[in-house]
Amino acid sequence: MTTSLLPPATAGANLGPSVDMKEYGAYALDLPIVAAGYAEACIQVDWQVMDTIESAAFPLLWLRDHCACDACRHPQTYERTQFIIDLDPACLEVAPAIDVADGHLGLTWSDGHVSRFDAGWLYRLRPHQQAWQPSIVPANRAWAENFSAHRTDFDDYMAGGGARLDWLHALCRDGFAILQNGPSEGGEIDRVAATIGPIRATNFGGRFEVFSKPKPNNAAYTALGLELHTDLTNWKNPPDIQMLYCLANDAQGGESIFADGVAVAEALRQQDPEAFRLLAETAIDCRFADEDSDIVVRATVIHLDEHDQVIEVRFNNWLRDNLRLPPAQIMPWYRAYLAFWKILRSPRYRLDLRLAAGEMVAFDNRRVLHGRKSFDPQTGRRHLQGCYVDYDMVESALRVTARQSHDASV
């Protein structure tokens, strides 16, 4: 049923102090509400945007659900404390009293509850908008040929602000970023991780030491060259971001190697669509086993999202378990796997880097493959410290840093 628009409540062009919507970060805009009215169980709101009027309709239930008063949102945590299932339906069946004061919207519901909405906050959340604000987290960008990694000085990053913001942005965008010119006394990686979030522990512990060990339980703890790979493909949820901090790298050899799995997978899609599809659709077994652990998963080498975009690559020849496939799929799968591997070894998709003491690389382990050339431990010391952090916490650190940088500039 259509209800005719009630005479709108009107306001002048002046905008009063912002209404507390219990949001982190800025949302106020110099866009006053100039009229509001009721129609078809919605409140239609008009804003003065320069010389034009822009309008949007908000359902009554949406508005009541988004009330930010202290009775509906916790004043400290900002979490909802109102349960809309417990609302009296009658209060949503009649038009609330509408008031536009100081350019903001006020509603008095039939059950006596009062809600106020900031004009700029409402404008950002107009229902026909895809998102109320652009995401600060960038989309993945495949490495171009001759990719150059983003670098930030250690002290600048630790100071926060724009330097940290740019570094985190690059890490999310490229899946790779470098800190340089840092100390190398040991433990610096803990300080960097603390700016992001808790270290994610695995069967190798939290922080791990990468150097040649007498009795290794992993190829990383030898002096062998390491083929490009992603870590812990045998986990249902492999670690996201890996950080490797160089304390010493004086041995002959030991150069680090990186490659963008997204770029390699997309190259395979172009060159051999059948091989690409086979690696994206055929799950294989991955396993790590030693005296204390036996972790197994069955997963595809290439993972796609709902838009058929590459979002993850699981490639680790050490952790690839016995191949269990129907007879007709065995040789086609091998052909596809080797086609991917051949592209992976192409210099076009590789980044060779000799880490110096005081340098740290961070990379998206779900996307960026890493390895190293062999080294001779008799010629000098090579010691890296490593850890993992969750990608969710990297995105969180990016948003918080962006918010703090904005607040500091106001």
Protein backbone atom coordinates (compact mmCIF):
# COMPACT_ATOMS: atom_id res chain seq x y z
CA MET A 1 0.00 0.00 0.00
CA THR A 2 1.27 3.44 -0.91
CA THR A 3 1.00 6.24 1.59
CA SER A 4 1.13 9.77 0.31
CA LEU A 5 4.16 11.77 1.34
CA LEU A 6 3.45 13.75 4.46
CA PRO A 7 4.33 17.42 4.48
CA PRO A 8 8.10 17.39 4.91
CA ALA A 9 9.82 18.73 7.95
CA THR A 10 12.20 21.38 6.72
CA ALA A 11 15.46 22.83 7.90
CA GLY A 12 17.76 25.62 6.96
CA ALA A 13 21.07 25.18 5.21
CA ASN A 14 23.06 25.36 8.43
CA LEU A 15 24.40 22.13 9.89
CA GLY A 16 24.78 21.77 13.63
CA PRO A 17 27.26 19.60 15.55
CA SER A 18 27.42 16.02 14.33
CA VAL A 19 25.24 13.38 15.97
CA ASP A 20 27.12 10.59 17.75
CA MET A 21 26.44 7.49 15.64
CA LYS A 22 28.89 5.37 17.65
CA GLU A 23 31.20 4.83 14.70
CA TYR A 24 35.00 4.74 14.66
CA GLY A 25 36.43 7.23 12.20
CA ALA A 26 34.96 10.27 10.52
CA TYR A 27 31.53 10.28 8.93
CA ALA A 28 30.40 13.90 9.23
CA LEU A 29 29.85 15.75 5.96
CA ASP A 30 28.82 19.31 5.31
CA LEU A 31 25.57 18.11 3.73
CA PRO A 32 22.52 19.21 5.74
CA ILE A 33 19.19 17.46 5.50
CA VAL A 34 16.67 19.99 4.21
CA ALA A 35 13.51 17.87 4.21
CA ALA A 36 12.18 14.52 5.40
CA GLY A 37 8.84 12.81 4.94
CA TYR A 38 7.04 9.48 5.28
CA ALA A 39 5.88 7.23 2.43
CA GLU A 40 5.36 3.47 2.06
CA ALA A 41 6.92 2.50 5.41
CA CYS A 42 10.00 4.55 4.60
CA ILE A 43 11.41 7.92 5.54
CA GLN A 44 12.44 9.89 2.49
CA VAL A 45 15.35 12.23 3.20
CA ASP A 46 16.52 15.16 1.08
CA TRP A 47 20.03 16.64 1.31
CA GLN A 48 21.31 19.93 0.03
CA VAL A 49 24.30 18.96 -2.13
CA MET A 50 25.74 22.18 -3.58
CA ASP A 51 22.96 23.55 -5.81
CA THR A 52 20.96 20.33 -6.06
CA ILE A 53 18.75 18.16 -3.87
CA GLU A 54 19.59 14.47 -3.48
CA SER A 55 17.11 12.03 -1.99
CA ALA A 56 17.04 8.55 -0.51
CA ALA A 57 14.40 6.40 1.19
CA PHE A 58 15.15 4.43 4.36
CA PRO A 59 12.78 1.67 5.58
CA LEU A 60 11.46 2.22 9.09
CA LEU A 61 12.88 -1.07 10.34
CA TRP A 62 16.32 -0.15 8.98
CA LEU A 63 16.23 3.17 10.81
CA ARG A 64 15.10 1.63 14.10
CA ASP A 65 17.77 -1.08 13.74
CA HIS A 66 20.44 1.62 13.25
CA CYS A 67 19.45 3.85 16.12
CA ALA A 68 22.67 4.78 17.95
CA CYS A 69 21.27 6.02 21.24
CA ASP A 70 22.70 4.59 24.46
CA ALA A 71 19.67 2.33 24.83
CA CYS A 72 20.27 0.73 21.44
CA ARG A 73 24.08 0.71 21.28
CA HIS A 74 26.47 0.10 24.15
CA PRO A 75 28.11 3.44 24.97
CA GLN A 76 31.59 1.92 25.29
CA THR A 77 31.71 -1.03 22.86
CA TYR A 78 29.32 0.50 20.28
CA GLU A 79 27.74 -2.95 19.81
CA ARG A 80 24.00 -3.35 19.29
CA THR A 81 22.09 -3.98 22.50
CA GLN A 82 18.68 -3.65 20.85
CA PHE A 83 17.08 -6.83 19.53
CA ILE A 84 14.75 -5.94 16.71
CA ILE A 85 12.94 -9.25 17.07
CA ASP A 86 11.63 -7.98 20.40
CA LEU A 87 10.23 -4.72 19.00
CA ASP A 88 6.48 -4.19 19.06
CA PRO A 89 5.56 -4.48 15.35
CA ALA A 90 2.96 -1.78 15.87
CA CYS A 91 5.65 0.88 16.25
CA LEU A 92 6.77 0.19 12.66
CA GLU A 93 3.28 0.29 11.21
CA VAL A 94 2.66 4.00 11.74
CA ALA A 95 4.70 7.01 10.74
CA PRO A 96 6.99 8.32 13.46
CA ALA A 97 7.04 12.01 14.23
CA ILE A 98 9.71 13.56 12.04
CA ASP A 99 11.95 16.43 13.08
CA VAL A 100 14.84 17.99 11.18
CA ALA A 101 16.90 20.16 13.50
CA ASP A 102 20.35 21.59 12.82
CA GLY A 103 20.33 19.70 9.51
CA HIS A 104 20.04 16.25 11.14
CA LEU A 105 17.12 13.79 11.28
CA GLY A 106 15.12 13.07 14.42
CA LEU A 107 12.36 10.44 14.75
CA THR A 108 9.97 9.90 17.64
CA TRP A 109 8.42 6.46 17.35
CA SER A 110 4.89 5.55 18.39
CA ASP A 111 6.27 3.64 21.41
CA GLY A 112 7.96 6.87 22.58
CA HIS A 113 11.51 5.92 21.58
CA VAL A 114 13.57 8.79 20.12
CA SER A 115 16.23 8.29 17.45
CA ARG A 116 18.58 10.87 15.94
CA PHE A 117 20.65 10.39 12.80
CA ASP A 118 23.61 12.39 11.58
CA ALA A 119 23.02 13.87 8.13
CA GLY A 120 26.43 12.89 6.76
CA TRP A 121 26.21 9.40 8.22
CA LEU A 122 22.84 8.84 6.56
CA TYR A 123 24.11 10.23 3.27
CA ARG A 124 27.01 7.76 3.21
CA LEU A 125 24.61 4.90 3.89
CA ARG A 126 22.01 5.66 1.23
CA PRO A 127 20.50 2.24 0.35
CA HIS A 128 21.22 2.51 -3.37
CA GLN A 129 24.93 2.93 -2.69
CA GLN A 130 27.05 -0.21 -3.12
CA ALA A 131 29.24 0.80 -0.20
CA TRP A 132 29.01 3.64 2.25
CA GLN A 133 32.63 4.52 1.67
CA PRO A 134 35.45 3.27 -0.55
CA SER A 135 37.43 0.45 1.03
CA ILE A 136 40.87 1.47 2.25
CA VAL A 137 42.00 -2.12 1.59
CA PRO A 138 43.19 -2.35 -2.03
CA ALA A 139 42.40 -5.19 -4.39
CA ASN A 140 45.16 -7.63 -5.26
CA ARG A 141 47.32 -6.44 -8.11
CA ALA A 142 49.31 -9.03 -10.05
CA TRP A 143 53.00 -8.24 -10.33
CA ALA A 144 54.01 -6.67 -13.60
CA GLU A 145 57.24 -7.65 -15.30
CA ASN A 146 60.25 -6.11 -13.50
CA PHE A 147 58.17 -5.73 -10.34
CA SER A 148 59.74 -3.38 -7.80
CA ALA A 149 58.80 -3.98 -4.17
CA HIS A 150 57.68 -1.17 -1.88
CA ARG A 151 60.35 -0.30 0.71
CA THR A 152 60.06 1.59 3.98
CA ASP A 153 62.71 2.31 6.60
CA PHE A 154 62.21 0.35 9.81
CA ASP A 155 62.19 3.43 12.05
CA ASP A 156 59.67 5.24 9.83
CA TYR A 157 57.34 2.25 9.93
CA MET A 158 57.61 1.92 13.69
CA ALA A 159 56.79 5.62 14.08
CA GLY A 160 53.41 4.95 12.46
CA GLY A 161 51.60 7.51 10.34
CA GLY A 162 51.88 7.75 6.59
CA ALA A 163 54.94 5.52 6.24
CA ARG A 164 53.20 2.62 7.99
CA LEU A 165 50.00 3.27 6.08
CA ASP A 166 51.79 3.12 2.71
CA TRP A 167 53.65 -0.06 3.68
CA LEU A 168 50.51 -1.86 4.81
CA HIS A 169 48.70 -0.71 1.69
CA ALA A 170 51.47 -2.12 -0.51
CA LEU A 171 51.46 -5.40 1.42
CA CYS A 172 47.73 -5.83 0.80
CA ARG A 173 47.94 -4.72 -2.84
CA ASP A 174 51.08 -6.58 -3.96
CA GLY A 175 51.20 -9.27 -1.32
CA PHE A 176 54.77 -8.16 -0.67
CA ALA A 177 56.61 -5.32 1.08
CA ILE A 178 60.06 -4.72 2.58
CA LEU A 179 61.32 -2.98 5.70
CA GLN A 180 64.93 -1.86 5.54
CA ASN A 181 67.69 -0.21 7.60
CA GLY A 182 66.57 -1.78 10.85
CA PRO A 183 68.59 -3.13 13.78
CA SER A 184 69.64 -6.77 13.80
CA GLU A 185 70.00 -7.61 17.46
CA GLY A 186 67.16 -10.13 17.45
CA GLY A 187 63.50 -9.78 18.37
CA GLU A 188 62.76 -6.93 15.96
CA ILE A 189 60.24 -9.13 14.19
CA ASP A 190 58.23 -9.29 17.42
CA ARG A 191 58.05 -5.49 17.46
CA VAL A 192 56.81 -5.37 13.88
CA ALA A 193 54.26 -8.12 14.44
CA ALA A 194 52.95 -6.28 17.52
CA THR A 195 51.92 -3.34 15.31
CA ILE A 196 49.63 -5.71 13.40
CA GLY A 197 48.32 -8.36 15.75
CA PRO A 198 49.09 -11.61 17.55
CA ILE A 199 51.58 -14.00 16.00
CA ARG A 200 49.87 -17.07 14.61
CA ALA A 201 51.44 -20.24 15.98
CA THR A 202 51.78 -23.45 13.95
CA ASN A 203 53.34 -26.83 14.62
CA PHE A 204 56.68 -24.99 14.30
CA GLY A 205 55.76 -22.66 17.15
CA GLY A 206 55.22 -18.91 17.09
CA ARG A 207 58.40 -17.11 16.12
CA PHE A 208 60.79 -19.47 14.34
CA GLU A 209 64.51 -19.32 13.63
CA VAL A 210 65.70 -20.06 10.09
CA PHE A 211 69.25 -21.35 9.97
CA SER A 212 71.01 -24.62 9.24
CA LYS A 213 70.32 -27.11 12.05
CA PRO A 214 72.03 -30.45 12.78
CA LYS A 215 68.74 -32.42 12.92
CA PRO A 216 66.17 -30.53 10.84
CA ASN A 217 62.50 -31.53 10.59
CA ASN A 218 61.96 -29.16 7.66
CA ALA A 219 63.97 -28.31 4.56
CA ALA A 220 64.04 -24.64 5.62
CA TYR A 221 66.37 -25.62 8.47
CA THR A 222 69.03 -26.95 6.11
CA ALA A 223 71.48 -25.24 3.75
CA LEU A 224 69.69 -26.69 0.72
CA GLY A 225 68.24 -24.52 -2.01
CA LEU A 226 64.49 -24.22 -1.64
CA GLU A 227 62.25 -24.41 -4.69
CA LEU A 228 59.57 -21.75 -4.82
CA HIS A 229 56.67 -22.75 -2.61
CA THR A 230 53.93 -21.58 -0.28
CA ASP A 231 54.14 -22.64 3.36
CA LEU A 232 52.00 -25.18 5.16
CA THR A 233 49.83 -26.23 2.22
CA ASN A 234 48.92 -29.21 4.39
CA TRP A 235 46.76 -27.02 6.65
CA LYS A 236 43.06 -26.42 6.03
CA ASN A 237 43.81 -22.74 6.65
CA PRO A 238 47.47 -22.06 5.86
CA PRO A 239 49.05 -19.00 7.47
CA ASP A 240 48.35 -15.74 5.69
CA ILE A 241 51.17 -13.22 6.02
CA GLN A 242 54.70 -14.45 6.59
CA MET A 243 57.44 -12.14 7.83
CA LEU A 244 61.14 -12.96 7.58
CA TYR A 245 63.61 -10.68 9.36
CA CYS A 246 67.28 -10.99 8.46
CA LEU A 247 69.73 -10.92 11.38
CA ALA A 248 72.76 -12.08 9.38
CA ASN A 249 73.43 -13.16 5.81
CA ASP A 250 77.18 -13.50 5.39
CA ALA A 251 77.32 -17.00 3.90
CA GLN A 252 78.02 -17.59 0.25
CA GLY A 253 74.71 -18.11 -1.55
CA GLY A 254 71.35 -18.01 0.19
CA GLU A 255 69.72 -15.39 -2.04
CA SER A 256 65.96 -15.25 -1.54
CA ILE A 257 63.56 -15.88 -4.42
CA PHE A 258 59.93 -14.77 -4.68
CA ALA A 259 57.19 -15.07 -7.30
CA ASP A 260 53.62 -13.88 -7.55
CA GLY A 261 51.36 -16.94 -7.73
CA VAL A 262 48.48 -14.82 -9.03
CA ALA A 263 50.53 -13.68 -12.02
CA VAL A 264 51.77 -17.21 -12.68
CA ALA A 265 48.27 -18.70 -12.45
CA GLU A 266 46.85 -16.06 -14.77
CA ALA A 267 49.66 -16.74 -17.24
CA LEU A 268 48.75 -20.42 -17.13
CA ARG A 269 45.09 -19.55 -17.71
CA GLN A 270 46.09 -17.67 -20.86
CA GLN A 271 48.60 -20.21 -22.14
CA ASP A 272 46.85 -23.45 -21.19
CA PRO A 273 43.24 -23.01 -20.06
CA GLU A 274 42.74 -26.76 -19.68
CA ALA A 275 45.71 -27.06 -17.30
CA PHE A 276 44.51 -24.04 -15.34
CA ARG A 277 41.03 -25.48 -14.90
CA LEU A 278 42.40 -28.86 -13.86
CA LEU A 279 44.57 -27.36 -11.11
CA ALA A 280 41.64 -25.23 -9.95
CA GLU A 281 39.18 -28.13 -9.80
CA THR A 282 41.20 -31.20 -8.82
CA ALA A 283 42.10 -31.60 -5.14
CA ILE A 284 45.23 -33.48 -4.10
CA ASP A 285 46.64 -34.56 -0.74
CA CYS A 286 49.17 -32.44 1.15
CA ARG A 287 50.82 -33.69 4.32
CA PHE A 288 53.44 -32.88 6.93
CA ALA A 289 54.48 -35.60 9.32
CA ASP A 290 57.23 -35.91 11.91
CA GLU A 291 57.45 -37.56 15.32
CA ASP A 292 55.01 -35.07 16.88
CA SER A 293 52.72 -33.94 14.05
CA ASP A 294 50.72 -35.41 11.20
CA ILE A 295 48.72 -32.70 9.45
CA VAL A 296 46.87 -33.54 6.23
CA VAL A 297 44.48 -31.74 3.91
CA ARG A 298 43.10 -32.33 0.42
CA ALA A 299 42.93 -29.15 -1.64
CA THR A 300 43.42 -27.71 -5.12
CA VAL A 301 46.62 -26.00 -6.24
CA ILE A 302 44.73 -22.94 -7.51
CA HIS A 303 41.80 -21.46 -5.54
CA LEU A 304 39.22 -19.20 -7.20
CA ASP A 305 36.59 -16.88 -5.76
CA GLU A 306 32.98 -16.63 -6.87
CA HIS A 307 34.06 -14.32 -9.70
CA ASP A 308 36.57 -16.88 -11.04
CA GLN A 309 39.47 -14.75 -9.85
CA VAL A 310 42.61 -16.36 -8.42
CA ILE A 311 42.76 -15.75 -4.66
CA GLU A 312 45.17 -18.45 -3.48
CA VAL A 313 47.91 -20.75 -4.73
CA ARG A 314 49.00 -23.86 -2.81
CA PHE A 315 52.26 -25.10 -4.25
CA ASN A 316 54.76 -27.02 -2.16
CA ASN A 317 56.56 -30.01 -3.61
CA TRP A 318 57.81 -31.12 -0.16
CA LEU A 319 54.34 -31.30 1.27
CA ARG A 320 52.67 -32.93 -1.73
CA ASP A 321 51.59 -36.36 -0.50
CA ASN A 322 50.91 -39.54 -2.50
CA LEU A 323 48.86 -38.66 -5.55
CA ARG A 324 45.45 -40.33 -5.29
CA LEU A 325 43.42 -39.67 -8.41
CA PRO A 326 41.34 -41.77 -10.79
CA PRO A 327 43.57 -43.40 -13.46
CA ALA A 328 42.29 -41.19 -16.26
CA GLN A 329 43.20 -38.01 -14.31
CA ILE A 330 46.73 -38.89 -13.23
CA MET A 331 48.71 -37.96 -16.34
CA PRO A 332 46.56 -34.91 -17.22
CA TRP A 333 47.10 -33.62 -13.66
CA TYR A 334 50.86 -34.12 -13.90
CA ARG A 335 50.89 -32.31 -17.23
CA ALA A 336 48.99 -29.35 -15.71
CA TYR A 337 51.21 -29.27 -12.61
CA LEU A 338 54.38 -29.25 -14.68
CA ALA A 339 52.95 -26.52 -16.94
CA PHE A 340 52.41 -24.33 -13.87
CA TRP A 341 55.88 -25.17 -12.54
CA LYS A 342 57.52 -24.29 -15.84
CA ILE A 343 55.95 -20.82 -15.83
CA LEU A 344 56.87 -20.43 -12.16
CA ARG A 345 60.53 -20.90 -13.01
CA SER A 346 60.47 -18.23 -15.72
CA PRO A 347 62.64 -15.20 -14.81
CA ARG A 348 59.75 -12.97 -15.84
CA TYR A 349 57.78 -13.95 -12.74
CA ARG A 350 60.65 -14.08 -10.23
CA LEU A 351 62.08 -11.54 -7.86
CA ASP A 352 65.61 -12.36 -6.69
CA LEU A 353 66.68 -10.58 -3.54
CA ARG A 354 69.65 -10.87 -1.23
CA LEU A 355 68.46 -9.85 2.19
CA ALA A 356 70.84 -7.78 4.29
CA ALA A 357 70.98 -7.69 8.07
CA GLY A 358 68.23 -5.35 9.27
CA GLU A 359 65.90 -6.04 6.33
CA MET A 360 62.52 -7.74 6.61
CA VAL A 361 60.24 -9.08 3.91
CA ALA A 362 56.53 -9.58 4.49
CA PHE A 363 54.45 -11.46 1.95
CA ASP A 364 51.07 -13.07 1.49
CA ASN A 365 51.74 -16.79 1.88
CA ARG A 366 48.42 -17.59 0.20
CA ARG A 367 49.65 -15.89 -2.94
CA VAL A 368 53.38 -15.20 -3.05
CA LEU A 369 55.74 -18.16 -3.38
CA HIS A 370 59.16 -17.97 -1.80
CA GLY A 371 62.40 -19.94 -1.88
CA ARG A 372 66.13 -19.50 -1.72
CA LYS A 373 69.35 -20.58 -3.33
CA SER A 374 71.59 -23.01 -1.47
CA PHE A 375 74.26 -21.59 0.81
CA ASP A 376 77.47 -22.75 2.43
CA PRO A 377 77.21 -22.43 6.24
CA GLN A 378 80.99 -22.80 6.48
CA THR A 379 81.51 -19.43 4.79
CA GLY A 380 79.49 -17.28 7.17
CA ARG A 381 76.38 -16.94 9.28
CA ARG A 382 72.89 -16.91 7.79
CA HIS A 383 70.11 -16.35 10.32
CA LEU A 384 66.53 -15.20 9.74
CA GLN A 385 63.68 -14.94 12.22
CA GLY A 386 60.20 -15.62 10.96
CA CYS A 387 56.58 -15.57 12.03
CA TYR A 388 53.06 -15.50 10.64
CA VAL A 389 50.21 -13.06 11.22
CA ASP A 390 46.63 -13.27 10.03
CA TYR A 391 45.60 -11.25 7.00
CA ASP A 392 42.52 -10.05 8.87
CA MET A 393 44.84 -8.32 11.33
CA VAL A 394 46.84 -6.72 8.51
CA GLU A 395 43.63 -5.28 7.08
CA SER A 396 42.65 -4.15 10.57
CA ALA A 397 46.01 -2.44 11.07
CA LEU A 398 45.59 -0.71 7.72
CA ARG A 399 42.15 0.63 8.64
CA VAL A 400 43.21 1.76 12.10
CA THR A 401 46.36 3.44 10.78
CA ALA A 402 44.32 5.21 8.11
CA ARG A 403 41.84 6.38 10.75
CA GLN A 404 44.60 7.61 13.04
CA SER A 405 46.34 9.41 10.19
CA HIS A 406 43.08 11.11 9.26
CA ASP A 407 42.36 12.13 12.85
CA ALA A 408 45.88 13.52 13.21
CA SER A 409 45.46 15.67 10.12
CA VAL A 410 42.16 17.20 11.22
